Amino acid sequence: IIAVITPYMVGTDKGNLGAKVFWVWGSLCCCCLAYAYFLVPETKGLSLEQVDRMFEECTPRTSSKWRPHTTYASEMGFTDKGAVHHDVAEVEHKV
């Protein structure tokens, strides 16, 4: 789009902006920076269920500090905490 629009903006018979076209593209870049900072959340390393929970509990600006409280597997009862605890007890007993 930039390659198509710029000749019309700097052309003497069209927009005739010349070097002022920098301010157009620079201001659009600043708008993109503000958009990304305030409206794009950090979802790295989260499952879809955790992202859904994050959207319920925080804003995109504070999403980088949000940590999941539970996992989907623990909510659905797929984890067996007793077995994990039992294995840890066996390892401690052997040591």
N, C-alpha and C. Protein backbone atom coordinates (compact mmCIF):
# COMPACT_ATOMS: atom_id res chain seq x y z
N ILE A 1 0.83 -1.19 0.00
CA ILE A 1 0.00 0.00 0.00
C ILE A 1 0.87 1.25 0.00
N ILE A 2 1.95 1.22 0.78
CA ILE A 2 2.85 2.37 0.83
C ILE A 2 3.44 2.63 -0.55
N ALA A 3 3.84 1.58 -1.24
CA ALA A 3 4.44 1.73 -2.57
C ALA A 3 3.44 2.29 -3.58
N VAL A 4 2.17 2.01 -3.41
CA VAL A 4 1.16 2.51 -4.34
C VAL A 4 0.75 3.94 -4.00
N ILE A 5 0.64 4.26 -2.73
CA ILE A 5 0.14 5.57 -2.30
C ILE A 5 1.19 6.67 -2.36
N THR A 6 2.44 6.36 -2.01
CA THR A 6 3.47 7.39 -1.91
C THR A 6 3.67 8.20 -3.19
N PRO A 7 3.73 7.59 -4.38
CA PRO A 7 3.89 8.43 -5.58
C PRO A 7 2.79 9.47 -5.75
N TYR A 8 1.56 9.13 -5.35
CA TYR A 8 0.46 10.08 -5.43
C TYR A 8 0.61 11.19 -4.39
N MET A 9 1.20 10.87 -3.24
CA MET A 9 1.36 11.86 -2.18
C MET A 9 2.50 12.83 -2.47
N VAL A 10 3.55 12.37 -3.13
CA VAL A 10 4.71 13.23 -3.36
C VAL A 10 4.73 13.82 -4.77
N GLY A 11 3.89 13.35 -5.64
CA GLY A 11 3.85 13.85 -7.02
C GLY A 11 3.44 15.31 -7.08
N THR A 12 4.09 16.08 -7.95
CA THR A 12 3.79 17.52 -8.05
C THR A 12 2.40 17.78 -8.63
N ASP A 13 1.88 16.86 -9.43
CA ASP A 13 0.56 17.04 -10.00
C ASP A 13 -0.56 16.44 -9.14
N LYS A 14 -0.21 15.74 -8.06
CA LYS A 14 -1.22 15.10 -7.20
C LYS A 14 -1.23 15.76 -5.81
N GLY A 15 -0.60 15.10 -4.82
CA GLY A 15 -0.61 15.59 -3.43
C GLY A 15 0.42 16.67 -3.16
N ASN A 16 1.57 16.60 -3.84
CA ASN A 16 2.65 17.56 -3.72
C ASN A 16 3.12 17.76 -2.27
N LEU A 17 3.21 16.67 -1.51
CA LEU A 17 3.68 16.75 -0.12
C LEU A 17 5.20 16.79 -0.05
N GLY A 18 5.87 16.20 -0.98
CA GLY A 18 7.33 16.18 -0.96
C GLY A 18 7.86 15.46 0.27
N ALA A 19 8.76 16.12 1.01
CA ALA A 19 9.35 15.51 2.21
C ALA A 19 8.39 15.47 3.38
N LYS A 20 7.27 16.18 3.29
CA LYS A 20 6.28 16.17 4.37
C LYS A 20 5.59 14.81 4.51
N VAL A 21 5.75 13.96 3.51
CA VAL A 21 5.15 12.63 3.57
C VAL A 21 5.74 11.83 4.74
N PHE A 22 6.96 12.21 5.18
CA PHE A 22 7.56 11.57 6.35
C PHE A 22 6.65 11.73 7.57
N TRP A 23 6.06 12.89 7.74
CA TRP A 23 5.21 13.13 8.90
C TRP A 23 3.94 12.27 8.84
N VAL A 24 3.45 12.00 7.66
CA VAL A 24 2.29 11.12 7.52
C VAL A 24 2.65 9.71 7.96
N TRP A 25 3.75 9.17 7.41
CA TRP A 25 4.15 7.81 7.76
C TRP A 25 4.64 7.73 9.20
N GLY A 26 5.33 8.75 9.68
CA GLY A 26 5.78 8.76 11.07
C GLY A 26 4.63 8.79 12.06
N SER A 27 3.60 9.58 11.78
CA SER A 27 2.45 9.64 12.67
C SER A 27 1.67 8.32 12.65
N LEU A 28 1.60 7.68 11.48
CA LEU A 28 0.95 6.36 11.43
C LEU A 28 1.73 5.33 12.22
N CYS A 29 3.06 5.41 12.19
CA CYS A 29 3.88 4.49 13.00
C CYS A 29 3.66 4.72 14.49
N CYS A 30 3.53 5.97 14.90
CA CYS A 30 3.26 6.28 16.31
C CYS A 30 1.89 5.75 16.72
N CYS A 31 0.91 5.87 15.84
CA CYS A 31 -0.42 5.31 16.12
C CYS A 31 -0.35 3.79 16.26
N CYS A 32 0.44 3.14 15.42
CA CYS A 32 0.60 1.68 15.50
C CYS A 32 1.28 1.29 16.81
N LEU A 33 2.25 2.07 17.25
CA LEU A 33 2.92 1.79 18.51
C LEU A 33 1.94 1.91 19.68
N ALA A 34 1.14 2.95 19.70
CA ALA A 34 0.15 3.11 20.76
C ALA A 34 -0.88 1.98 20.72
N TYR A 35 -1.31 1.61 19.53
CA TYR A 35 -2.26 0.50 19.38
C TYR A 35 -1.69 -0.79 19.96
N ALA A 36 -0.44 -1.09 19.61
CA ALA A 36 0.18 -2.32 20.09
C ALA A 36 0.37 -2.30 21.60
N TYR A 37 0.75 -1.17 22.16
CA TYR A 37 1.00 -1.08 23.60
C TYR A 37 -0.28 -1.20 24.42
N PHE A 38 -1.35 -0.56 23.98
CA PHE A 38 -2.57 -0.52 24.77
C PHE A 38 -3.59 -1.60 24.43
N LEU A 39 -3.55 -2.16 23.23
CA LEU A 39 -4.64 -3.05 22.81
C LEU A 39 -4.23 -4.47 22.44
N VAL A 40 -2.93 -4.77 22.33
CA VAL A 40 -2.51 -6.12 21.96
C VAL A 40 -1.99 -6.82 23.21
N PRO A 41 -2.65 -7.89 23.66
CA PRO A 41 -2.22 -8.56 24.89
C PRO A 41 -1.03 -9.50 24.65
N GLU A 42 -0.30 -9.80 25.72
CA GLU A 42 0.80 -10.76 25.68
C GLU A 42 0.24 -12.13 26.00
N THR A 43 0.29 -13.05 25.04
CA THR A 43 -0.27 -14.39 25.23
C THR A 43 0.77 -15.49 25.09
N LYS A 44 2.04 -15.14 25.16
CA LYS A 44 3.11 -16.12 24.97
C LYS A 44 3.04 -17.21 26.05
N GLY A 45 3.06 -18.46 25.63
CA GLY A 45 3.11 -19.59 26.54
C GLY A 45 1.79 -19.94 27.20
N LEU A 46 0.68 -19.35 26.78
CA LEU A 46 -0.61 -19.64 27.39
C LEU A 46 -1.46 -20.48 26.46
N SER A 47 -2.26 -21.37 27.05
CA SER A 47 -3.20 -22.13 26.24
C SER A 47 -4.40 -21.24 25.92
N LEU A 48 -5.25 -21.71 25.02
CA LEU A 48 -6.43 -20.92 24.65
C LEU A 48 -7.35 -20.69 25.84
N GLU A 49 -7.48 -21.69 26.69
CA GLU A 49 -8.32 -21.55 27.87
C GLU A 49 -7.75 -20.50 28.82
N GLN A 50 -6.41 -20.49 28.97
CA GLN A 50 -5.78 -19.51 29.84
C GLN A 50 -5.88 -18.11 29.26
N VAL A 51 -5.80 -17.99 27.94
CA VAL A 51 -5.98 -16.68 27.30
C VAL A 51 -7.40 -16.18 27.55
N ASP A 52 -8.38 -17.06 27.44
CA ASP A 52 -9.76 -16.68 27.71
C ASP A 52 -9.92 -16.19 29.14
N ARG A 53 -9.31 -16.89 30.08
CA ARG A 53 -9.37 -16.48 31.50
C ARG A 53 -8.64 -15.15 31.70
N MET A 54 -7.53 -14.97 31.02
CA MET A 54 -6.77 -13.72 31.14
C MET A 54 -7.61 -12.54 30.67
N PHE A 55 -8.36 -12.71 29.55
CA PHE A 55 -9.21 -11.63 29.05
C PHE A 55 -10.30 -11.28 30.06
N GLU A 56 -10.73 -12.23 30.87
CA GLU A 56 -11.74 -11.96 31.88
C GLU A 56 -11.17 -11.20 33.07
N GLU A 57 -9.88 -11.41 33.37
CA GLU A 57 -9.31 -10.89 34.61
C GLU A 57 -8.44 -9.66 34.47
N CYS A 58 -7.94 -9.33 33.29
CA CYS A 58 -7.04 -8.18 33.19
C CYS A 58 -7.19 -7.48 31.84
N THR A 59 -6.45 -6.39 31.69
CA THR A 59 -6.46 -5.61 30.46
C THR A 59 -5.26 -5.98 29.61
N PRO A 60 -5.28 -5.68 28.32
CA PRO A 60 -4.11 -5.99 27.48
C PRO A 60 -2.83 -5.32 27.96
N ARG A 61 -2.94 -4.14 28.54
CA ARG A 61 -1.74 -3.42 29.00
C ARG A 61 -1.08 -4.14 30.17
N THR A 62 -1.84 -4.79 31.02
CA THR A 62 -1.27 -5.48 32.17
C THR A 62 -1.17 -6.99 31.95
N SER A 63 -1.38 -7.45 30.74
CA SER A 63 -1.41 -8.89 30.48
C SER A 63 -0.05 -9.56 30.63
N SER A 64 1.05 -8.84 30.49
CA SER A 64 2.36 -9.46 30.61
C SER A 64 2.65 -9.90 32.04
N LYS A 65 1.98 -9.31 33.03
CA LYS A 65 2.19 -9.67 34.43
C LYS A 65 1.22 -10.75 34.90
N TRP A 66 0.21 -11.07 34.10
CA TRP A 66 -0.80 -12.04 34.50
C TRP A 66 -0.23 -13.45 34.46
N ARG A 67 -0.49 -14.23 35.48
CA ARG A 67 -0.07 -15.62 35.54
C ARG A 67 -1.30 -16.49 35.75
N PRO A 68 -1.36 -17.66 35.11
CA PRO A 68 -2.52 -18.54 35.27
C PRO A 68 -2.58 -19.09 36.69
N HIS A 69 -3.80 -19.15 37.23
CA HIS A 69 -4.01 -19.68 38.57
C HIS A 69 -4.14 -21.20 38.55
N THR A 70 -4.75 -21.71 37.50
CA THR A 70 -4.93 -23.15 37.37
C THR A 70 -4.68 -23.53 35.92
N THR A 71 -4.63 -24.82 35.68
CA THR A 71 -4.51 -25.30 34.31
C THR A 71 -5.85 -25.92 33.90
N TYR A 72 -6.02 -26.07 32.62
CA TYR A 72 -7.26 -26.68 32.12
C TYR A 72 -7.37 -28.13 32.61
N ALA A 73 -6.25 -28.82 32.64
CA ALA A 73 -6.26 -30.22 33.09
C ALA A 73 -6.70 -30.33 34.54
N SER A 74 -6.24 -29.42 35.40
CA SER A 74 -6.64 -29.50 36.81
C SER A 74 -8.11 -29.13 36.99
N GLU A 75 -8.61 -28.20 36.19
CA GLU A 75 -10.03 -27.84 36.28
C GLU A 75 -10.93 -28.99 35.83
N MET A 76 -10.48 -29.77 34.85
CA MET A 76 -11.28 -30.87 34.34
C MET A 76 -11.07 -32.15 35.14
N GLY A 77 -10.16 -32.13 36.11
CA GLY A 77 -9.92 -33.30 36.95
C GLY A 77 -9.01 -34.33 36.31
N PHE A 78 -8.18 -33.92 35.35
CA PHE A 78 -7.29 -34.86 34.68
C PHE A 78 -5.98 -35.07 35.42
N THR A 79 -5.71 -34.29 36.45
CA THR A 79 -4.47 -34.47 37.20
C THR A 79 -4.75 -35.23 38.47
N ASP A 80 -3.81 -36.02 38.86
CA ASP A 80 -3.93 -36.82 40.08
C ASP A 80 -2.89 -36.32 41.06
N LYS A 81 -3.27 -35.38 41.90
CA LYS A 81 -2.31 -34.80 42.83
C LYS A 81 -1.83 -35.83 43.85
N GLY A 82 -2.65 -36.78 44.18
CA GLY A 82 -2.24 -37.81 45.15
C GLY A 82 -1.09 -38.65 44.60
N ALA A 83 -1.13 -38.98 43.32
CA ALA A 83 -0.07 -39.78 42.72
C ALA A 83 1.23 -38.99 42.67
N VAL A 84 1.15 -37.72 42.37
CA VAL A 84 2.34 -36.88 42.34
C VAL A 84 2.92 -36.78 43.74
N HIS A 85 2.07 -36.58 44.73
CA HIS A 85 2.53 -36.47 46.10
C HIS A 85 3.14 -37.80 46.56
N HIS A 86 2.52 -38.91 46.14
CA HIS A 86 3.01 -40.23 46.51
C HIS A 86 4.40 -40.47 45.92
N ASP A 87 4.61 -40.08 44.67
CA ASP A 87 5.94 -40.25 44.05
C ASP A 87 6.99 -39.40 44.77
N VAL A 88 6.66 -38.21 45.16
CA VAL A 88 7.60 -37.36 45.87
C VAL A 88 7.93 -37.97 47.22
N ALA A 89 6.94 -38.55 47.91
CA ALA A 89 7.17 -39.18 49.20
C ALA A 89 8.10 -40.38 49.04
N GLU A 90 7.94 -41.16 47.98
CA GLU A 90 8.81 -42.30 47.75
C GLU A 90 10.25 -41.87 47.50
N VAL A 91 10.43 -40.82 46.71
CA VAL A 91 11.77 -40.32 46.43
C VAL A 91 12.43 -39.82 47.70
N GLU A 92 11.68 -39.10 48.55
CA GLU A 92 12.24 -38.61 49.80
C GLU A 92 12.57 -39.76 50.73
N HIS A 93 11.75 -40.81 50.72
CA HIS A 93 11.99 -41.97 51.59
C HIS A 93 13.24 -42.72 51.16
N LYS A 94 13.48 -42.82 49.85
CA LYS A 94 14.65 -43.52 49.34
C LYS A 94 15.94 -42.77 49.62
N VAL A 95 15.87 -41.46 49.69
CA VAL A 95 17.06 -40.64 49.94
C VAL A 95 17.36 -40.70 51.38
